[in-house]
Amino acid sequence: MTYLSRRNALKLTGTALLGLGTSNFSFGMNDEILIGHGDFKYKVNMGWGMLDAGKNPVNDCHEMVEDSSGRLFMLTNETKNNVLIYSKNGKLLDSWGHTYPGAHGLTIAGEGSDQFLLICDNNRHQVIKTDLKGNEIFKIEYPKETGEYEYPTQFVPTESAVDKETGEIYVVDGYGLNFVIVYDQNGKYLRHWGGRGEGNYQYKCNHGVLIDERKGQERSLIITSRQENCWKRYSMNGKFQERIEMPGSFICRPVMRGENLYGAVFRSTLESNQNSGYVQIVDKNNKVVSTPGGSKPVYENGKLNAQKKEDPANVFMHPHDVYVDADENIYIAQWASEKTYPIKLERV
């Protein structure tokens, strides 16, 4: 089925897709596309953030974050404008960045006027700290101090997280040797663990990292192992605690909002299965409660059945990241998706 472009989305009518409704997909008033399950259903806003591609093009839309003033920063590996800054209603406020050909991971940290960004660049094999205007503060080079890396191109960082209590920076090398490397707030190497494999302290594409600070539990780290279809949880001192299994879902980085975790699934069933992505929503008990764009989550004997894409309107191709705002709307940036701008899912 052809991917649902924004232009074609505006032409769809409810009668054109009668009989395709599932618990994941339906049309409502004014031809609205609704996706999701249970208490987590969303109206698809395909036109959100669409810009003039001649002036502000995108290539892969990789990740999104929000600053303290409510602006949304979206990272793309298009060097005409690596960072697009949006308002919540999808208006372009600003853009910058021309030197990040492998722009992939985007993290925001700090408070107020001291907020900063960390950009993981696959092509530069670096993690770059910038202010919110794009001025570079420092760069983290390949971690030769670990003794694991012989040359810079072995280091292909995909994501980072910042501990707001210590300032420590956690970097995951998801497209490289799959180590987790920890730095101090100035980018000085402290420690590392991991590497490629299937053990509790190893990963098969440790694509994302999150510091889980939900109330009522000890702070912990959640790290992706995308080719194992799971996230792995660790104590802050690096002790393995559990796996959060999502069979069938090649999940990217974990994102936290309230008591729930959210993640973009860039492909499902098989990693080679093109245009098969969706979004996962996981509650505080590690249970998938909604899969917008995918099959309904079903548990048997406490285990989640393998999920797959169920998206009759083909809203998604390859979701790569989600951002969830205070109203629980979800913004989805997509990789290798015909150079389209982010999609907004409006909570209903």
Protein backbone atom coordinates (compact mmCIF):
# COMPACT_ATOMS: atom_id res chain seq x y z
CA MET A 1 0.00 0.00 0.00
CA THR A 2 1.29 3.44 -0.90
CA TYR A 3 2.39 5.59 2.00
CA LEU A 4 -0.25 8.13 3.06
CA SER A 5 1.21 11.50 2.06
CA ARG A 6 -0.13 14.66 3.64
CA ARG A 7 -1.68 15.70 0.35
CA ASN A 8 -3.44 12.36 -0.09
CA ALA A 9 -4.53 12.38 3.55
CA LEU A 10 -6.59 15.48 2.92
CA LYS A 11 -8.43 13.70 0.08
CA LEU A 12 -9.43 10.61 2.04
CA THR A 13 -13.06 10.21 3.04
CA GLY A 14 -14.69 7.96 5.56
CA THR A 15 -16.56 6.04 2.89
CA ALA A 16 -13.35 5.35 0.98
CA LEU A 17 -12.11 3.15 3.79
CA LEU A 18 -15.31 1.62 5.15
CA GLY A 19 -14.66 -1.86 6.43
CA LEU A 20 -11.03 -1.17 7.32
CA GLY A 21 -11.77 0.02 10.84
CA THR A 22 -10.09 -1.85 13.70
CA SER A 23 -9.44 -1.00 17.32
CA ASN A 24 -6.35 0.72 16.01
CA PHE A 25 -7.85 2.74 13.17
CA SER A 26 -11.09 4.59 12.42
CA PHE A 27 -12.55 7.69 10.84
CA GLY A 28 -14.57 10.13 12.86
CA MET A 29 -16.19 13.48 12.17
CA ASN A 30 -14.59 15.56 9.42
CA ASP A 31 -12.76 12.48 8.12
CA GLU A 32 -10.45 12.31 11.13
CA ILE A 33 -8.02 9.41 11.26
CA LEU A 34 -7.95 7.90 14.75
CA ILE A 35 -5.33 5.37 15.84
CA GLY A 36 -4.36 3.70 19.10
CA HIS A 37 -5.87 1.37 21.66
CA GLY A 38 -7.70 1.52 24.98
CA ASP A 39 -7.36 4.85 26.76
CA PHE A 40 -4.56 5.95 24.41
CA LYS A 41 -6.19 6.97 21.14
CA TYR A 42 -5.03 9.78 18.89
CA LYS A 43 -6.17 11.93 15.99
CA VAL A 44 -3.57 12.05 13.22
CA ASN A 45 -2.45 15.53 12.19
CA MET A 46 -0.57 14.83 8.97
CA GLY A 47 -0.15 18.51 8.10
CA TRP A 48 1.63 19.49 11.30
CA GLY A 49 5.06 21.05 10.75
CA MET A 50 4.97 20.81 6.96
CA LEU A 51 7.35 23.38 5.43
CA ASP A 52 8.56 24.61 2.07
CA ALA A 53 11.09 21.92 1.14
CA GLY A 54 12.89 24.37 -1.10
CA LYS A 55 13.67 26.61 1.86
CA ASN A 56 13.75 24.20 4.78
CA PRO A 57 14.30 20.66 3.52
CA VAL A 58 14.68 17.53 5.62
CA ASN A 59 16.32 14.21 4.87
CA ASP A 60 15.97 11.75 7.75
CA CYS A 61 14.05 13.28 10.64
CA HIS A 62 15.76 11.68 13.60
CA GLU A 63 14.80 13.10 16.98
CA MET A 64 12.81 15.83 18.77
CA VAL A 65 13.05 17.59 22.16
CA GLU A 66 11.38 20.57 23.85
CA ASP A 67 13.08 23.49 25.60
CA SER A 68 11.87 25.32 28.71
CA SER A 69 10.04 27.93 26.63
CA GLY A 70 7.96 25.30 24.80
CA ARG A 71 9.85 25.28 21.50
CA LEU A 72 10.28 21.93 19.74
CA PHE A 73 13.73 21.17 18.29
CA MET A 74 13.80 18.62 15.47
CA LEU A 75 17.09 17.12 14.23
CA THR A 76 17.68 16.11 10.60
CA ASN A 77 20.81 15.07 8.72
CA GLU A 78 20.02 17.65 6.01
CA THR A 79 22.89 20.14 6.30
CA LYS A 80 20.91 23.03 4.84
CA ASN A 81 19.29 23.20 8.28
CA ASN A 82 20.20 20.44 10.73
CA VAL A 83 17.90 21.82 13.44
CA LEU A 84 14.36 23.04 12.80
CA ILE A 85 12.69 24.82 15.72
CA TYR A 86 8.89 24.61 15.80
CA SER A 87 6.08 26.06 17.87
CA LYS A 88 3.52 23.57 19.18
CA ASN A 89 1.16 24.47 16.33
CA GLY A 90 3.77 23.51 13.74
CA LYS A 91 5.04 26.97 12.80
CA LEU A 92 8.74 27.27 12.02
CA LEU A 93 10.39 29.61 14.52
CA ASP A 94 14.06 29.25 13.59
CA SER A 95 16.64 26.93 12.08
CA TRP A 96 20.38 26.41 12.27
CA GLY A 97 23.14 23.88 11.65
CA HIS A 98 25.10 23.06 8.51
CA THR A 99 27.94 20.86 9.79
CA TYR A 100 26.19 17.70 11.02
CA PRO A 101 25.95 15.31 8.05
CA GLY A 102 25.30 12.37 10.37
CA ALA A 103 22.98 14.12 12.82
CA HIS A 104 21.19 11.35 14.66
CA GLY A 105 20.73 11.71 18.43
CA LEU A 106 19.36 14.85 20.11
CA THR A 107 19.24 15.36 23.88
CA ILE A 108 18.35 18.48 25.86
CA ALA A 109 19.48 19.09 29.44
CA GLY A 110 20.02 21.89 31.92
CA GLU A 111 17.59 24.47 33.22
CA GLY A 112 16.28 27.78 31.83
CA SER A 113 18.95 29.88 30.17
CA ASP A 114 21.52 27.16 30.91
CA GLN A 115 19.85 24.55 28.73
CA PHE A 116 22.04 22.84 26.16
CA LEU A 117 21.87 20.18 23.46
CA LEU A 118 23.90 17.05 22.78
CA ILE A 119 24.05 15.98 19.14
CA CYS A 120 25.26 12.48 18.27
CA ASP A 121 26.71 12.61 14.76
CA ASN A 122 27.27 9.28 12.99
CA ASN A 123 29.47 10.74 10.24
CA ARG A 124 31.61 12.90 12.49
CA HIS A 125 31.91 10.08 15.04
CA GLN A 126 31.39 12.61 17.80
CA VAL A 127 28.99 13.84 20.42
CA ILE A 128 28.76 17.63 20.23
CA LYS A 129 27.50 19.88 23.02
CA THR A 130 25.89 23.12 21.78
CA ASP A 131 23.81 25.91 23.22
CA LEU A 132 20.26 26.34 21.94
CA LYS A 133 21.46 28.69 19.21
CA GLY A 134 23.87 26.11 17.80
CA ASN A 135 27.14 27.43 19.18
CA GLU A 136 29.45 24.48 19.89
CA ILE A 137 30.70 24.20 23.49
CA PHE A 138 32.76 21.01 23.34
CA LYS A 139 33.06 17.73 21.43
CA ILE A 140 33.41 14.17 22.72
CA GLU A 141 35.70 12.22 20.41
CA TYR A 142 35.94 8.45 20.05
CA PRO A 143 36.55 6.80 23.44
CA LYS A 144 40.09 5.50 23.03
CA GLU A 145 40.45 5.64 26.84
CA THR A 146 38.25 2.55 27.07
CA GLY A 147 40.81 0.36 25.31
CA GLU A 148 37.97 -1.00 23.17
CA TYR A 149 38.34 1.31 20.15
CA GLU A 150 41.30 1.28 17.80
CA TYR A 151 40.21 4.13 15.52
CA PRO A 152 37.57 6.88 15.39
CA THR A 153 35.22 5.33 12.84
CA GLN A 154 34.46 2.44 15.20
CA PHE A 155 32.56 4.95 17.34
CA VAL A 156 29.11 5.62 15.88
CA PRO A 157 27.05 7.16 18.71
CA THR A 158 23.29 7.15 18.41
CA GLU A 159 21.97 8.70 21.65
CA SER A 160 22.87 10.27 24.98
CA ALA A 161 21.28 11.05 28.34
CA VAL A 162 22.33 13.47 31.07
CA ASP A 163 22.04 12.78 34.80
CA LYS A 164 20.66 16.01 36.22
CA GLU A 165 21.99 15.16 39.69
CA THR A 166 25.62 14.58 38.72
CA GLY A 167 25.87 16.07 35.23
CA GLU A 168 27.24 12.75 33.96
CA ILE A 169 26.68 12.04 30.26
CA TYR A 170 25.69 8.53 29.14
CA VAL A 171 26.44 7.80 25.48
CA VAL A 172 25.31 4.67 23.63
CA ASP A 173 27.27 3.55 20.58
CA GLY A 174 24.36 1.88 18.82
CA TYR A 175 25.80 1.81 15.31
CA GLY A 176 29.36 1.15 16.44
CA LEU A 177 30.73 -1.33 18.97
CA ASN A 178 27.64 -1.12 21.21
CA PHE A 179 29.30 0.09 24.38
CA VAL A 180 27.76 2.41 26.97
CA ILE A 181 30.31 5.12 27.77
CA VAL A 182 29.92 7.50 30.72
CA TYR A 183 31.54 10.95 30.84
CA ASP A 184 31.57 13.74 33.40
CA GLN A 185 29.83 17.04 32.68
CA ASN A 186 32.92 18.33 30.87
CA GLY A 187 33.17 15.32 28.55
CA LYS A 188 35.92 13.49 30.46
CA TYR A 189 35.76 9.69 30.26
CA LEU A 190 34.70 7.96 33.49
CA ARG A 191 33.68 4.34 32.78
CA HIS A 192 32.03 2.02 30.30
CA TRP A 193 30.38 -1.38 29.86
CA GLY A 194 28.65 -3.42 27.21
CA GLY A 195 29.68 -4.37 23.71
CA ARG A 196 27.83 -6.34 21.07
CA GLY A 197 26.15 -9.54 22.22
CA GLU A 198 23.03 -10.96 23.82
CA GLY A 199 24.00 -11.02 27.49
CA ASN A 200 22.46 -8.86 30.19
CA TYR A 201 25.32 -6.37 29.87
CA GLN A 202 25.54 -6.54 26.09
CA TYR A 203 23.43 -5.19 23.24
CA LYS A 204 22.45 -5.71 19.66
CA CYS A 205 22.08 -2.06 18.61
CA ASN A 206 21.91 -0.07 21.87
CA HIS A 207 20.14 2.68 20.00
CA GLY A 208 18.76 4.72 22.91
CA VAL A 209 19.22 5.55 26.58
CA LEU A 210 16.98 7.14 29.22
CA ILE A 211 17.31 7.97 32.90
CA ASP A 212 14.01 6.79 34.41
CA GLU A 213 13.03 9.23 37.15
CA ARG A 214 9.41 8.26 37.69
CA LYS A 215 8.15 8.75 41.23
CA GLY A 216 7.85 5.84 43.61
CA GLN A 217 10.90 3.95 42.39
CA GLU A 218 14.66 4.23 42.44
CA ARG A 219 16.21 6.11 39.54
CA SER A 220 17.45 3.74 36.85
CA LEU A 221 18.78 3.54 33.31
CA ILE A 222 16.81 2.11 30.40
CA ILE A 223 18.89 1.15 27.36
CA THR A 224 17.65 -0.13 24.01
CA SER A 225 18.72 -3.40 22.44
CA ARG A 226 16.84 -2.89 19.19
CA GLN A 227 17.67 -6.13 17.40
CA GLU A 228 16.58 -8.05 20.51
CA ASN A 229 13.21 -6.22 20.50
CA CYS A 230 13.62 -4.96 24.03
CA TRP A 231 14.76 -2.32 26.45
CA LYS A 232 17.07 -3.29 29.34
CA ARG A 233 16.98 -1.68 32.77
CA TYR A 234 19.96 -1.02 35.05
CA SER A 235 20.55 0.61 38.40
CA MET A 236 22.37 3.93 38.27
CA ASN A 237 25.57 2.12 39.23
CA GLY A 238 25.16 -0.16 36.23
CA LYS A 239 23.66 -3.34 37.72
CA PHE A 240 21.31 -5.20 35.37
CA GLN A 241 17.73 -5.40 36.63
CA GLU A 242 15.31 -6.54 33.90
CA ARG A 243 14.32 -6.72 30.25
CA ILE A 244 11.22 -4.99 28.89
CA GLU A 245 10.23 -7.27 26.05
CA MET A 246 8.44 -6.03 22.94
CA PRO A 247 8.41 -8.99 20.57
CA GLY A 248 8.17 -8.09 16.91
CA SER A 249 9.05 -4.45 17.56
CA PHE A 250 12.41 -2.99 16.54
CA ILE A 251 12.13 -0.22 19.08
CA CYS A 252 14.27 2.92 19.22
CA ARG A 253 14.96 5.11 22.25
CA PRO A 254 12.71 5.18 25.33
CA VAL A 255 11.00 8.50 26.08
CA MET A 256 9.27 9.28 29.38
CA ARG A 257 6.10 11.31 30.06
CA GLY A 258 4.31 10.98 33.38
CA GLU A 259 4.10 7.32 34.38
CA ASN A 260 4.45 5.99 30.84
CA LEU A 261 7.27 5.19 28.46
CA TYR A 262 6.93 5.83 24.73
CA GLY A 263 9.03 4.60 21.84
CA ALA A 264 9.16 4.69 18.06
CA VAL A 265 9.30 1.31 16.32
CA PHE A 266 11.12 1.84 13.05
CA ARG A 267 10.28 -1.62 11.69
CA SER A 268 8.37 -4.68 12.84
CA THR A 269 8.24 -8.45 12.38
CA LEU A 270 11.60 -8.45 10.56
CA GLU A 271 14.21 -5.72 10.57
CA SER A 272 14.19 -5.87 6.77
CA ASN A 273 10.42 -5.27 6.62
CA GLN A 274 10.18 -1.82 5.06
CA ASN A 275 7.46 0.69 5.95
CA SER A 276 6.34 -1.38 8.92
CA GLY A 277 6.78 1.04 11.83
CA TYR A 278 4.47 2.24 14.60
CA VAL A 279 4.55 3.67 18.13
CA GLN A 280 4.59 1.85 21.49
CA ILE A 281 3.18 3.11 24.79
CA VAL A 282 4.30 1.21 27.91
CA ASP A 283 2.85 1.73 31.39
CA LYS A 284 4.67 1.79 34.74
CA ASN A 285 4.29 -1.99 34.99
CA ASN A 286 6.15 -2.49 31.70
CA LYS A 287 2.94 -3.47 29.92
CA VAL A 288 2.26 -2.24 26.39
CA VAL A 289 -1.10 -0.46 26.61
CA SER A 290 -1.41 1.01 23.11
CA THR A 291 0.31 0.62 19.76
CA PRO A 292 -0.73 3.44 17.40
CA GLY A 293 -0.18 2.18 13.88
CA GLY A 294 0.35 -1.41 15.05
CA SER A 295 -1.64 -4.42 16.17
CA LYS A 296 -3.50 -4.42 19.45
CA PRO A 297 -1.27 -5.51 22.35
CA VAL A 298 -2.39 -8.94 23.58
CA TYR A 299 -0.93 -10.74 26.59
CA GLU A 300 -1.16 -14.50 27.14
CA ASN A 301 0.15 -16.03 30.37
CA GLY A 302 1.77 -12.71 31.18
CA LYS A 303 3.72 -12.49 27.93
CA LEU A 304 3.10 -10.08 25.07
CA ASN A 305 2.31 -11.67 21.72
CA ALA A 306 4.51 -10.53 18.83
CA GLN A 307 3.15 -7.36 17.28
CA LYS A 308 3.08 -6.12 13.71
CA LYS A 309 1.97 -3.15 11.66
CA GLU A 310 -1.80 -2.66 11.33
CA ASP A 311 -2.20 0.73 9.72
CA PRO A 312 -4.73 0.71 6.82
CA ALA A 313 -4.10 4.38 6.01
CA ASN A 314 -0.30 3.86 6.16
CA VAL A 315 0.19 6.80 8.45
CA PHE A 316 3.74 5.68 9.31
CA MET A 317 6.72 4.42 7.37
CA HIS A 318 9.75 4.32 9.69
CA PRO A 319 9.16 6.16 12.98
CA HIS A 320 12.52 6.95 14.56
CA ASP A 321 11.66 9.01 17.61
CA VAL A 322 8.74 10.39 19.58
CA TYR A 323 8.34 13.47 21.70
CA VAL A 324 5.38 13.69 24.10
CA ASP A 325 4.22 17.11 25.26
CA ALA A 326 2.46 18.08 28.50
CA ASP A 327 -0.95 17.46 26.89
CA GLU A 328 0.22 13.96 25.92
CA ASN A 329 0.24 14.72 22.21
CA ILE A 330 2.92 12.73 20.38
CA TYR A 331 5.23 14.11 17.69
CA ILE A 332 6.88 11.48 15.47
CA ALA A 333 10.06 12.05 13.50
CA GLN A 334 10.65 9.46 10.77
CA TRP A 335 13.77 7.97 9.19
CA ALA A 336 13.92 7.11 5.46
CA SER A 337 10.34 8.24 4.95
CA GLU A 338 10.37 10.17 1.70
CA LYS A 339 11.80 13.27 3.39
CA THR A 340 8.55 14.01 5.16
CA TYR A 341 8.18 16.29 8.16
CA PRO A 342 7.10 15.07 11.62
CA ILE A 343 3.59 13.80 12.25
CA LYS A 344 1.57 14.92 15.27
CA LEU A 345 -0.79 12.58 17.11
CA GLU A 346 -3.33 14.56 19.14
CA ARG A 347 -4.58 12.81 22.27
CA VAL A 348 -8.35 12.29 22.31
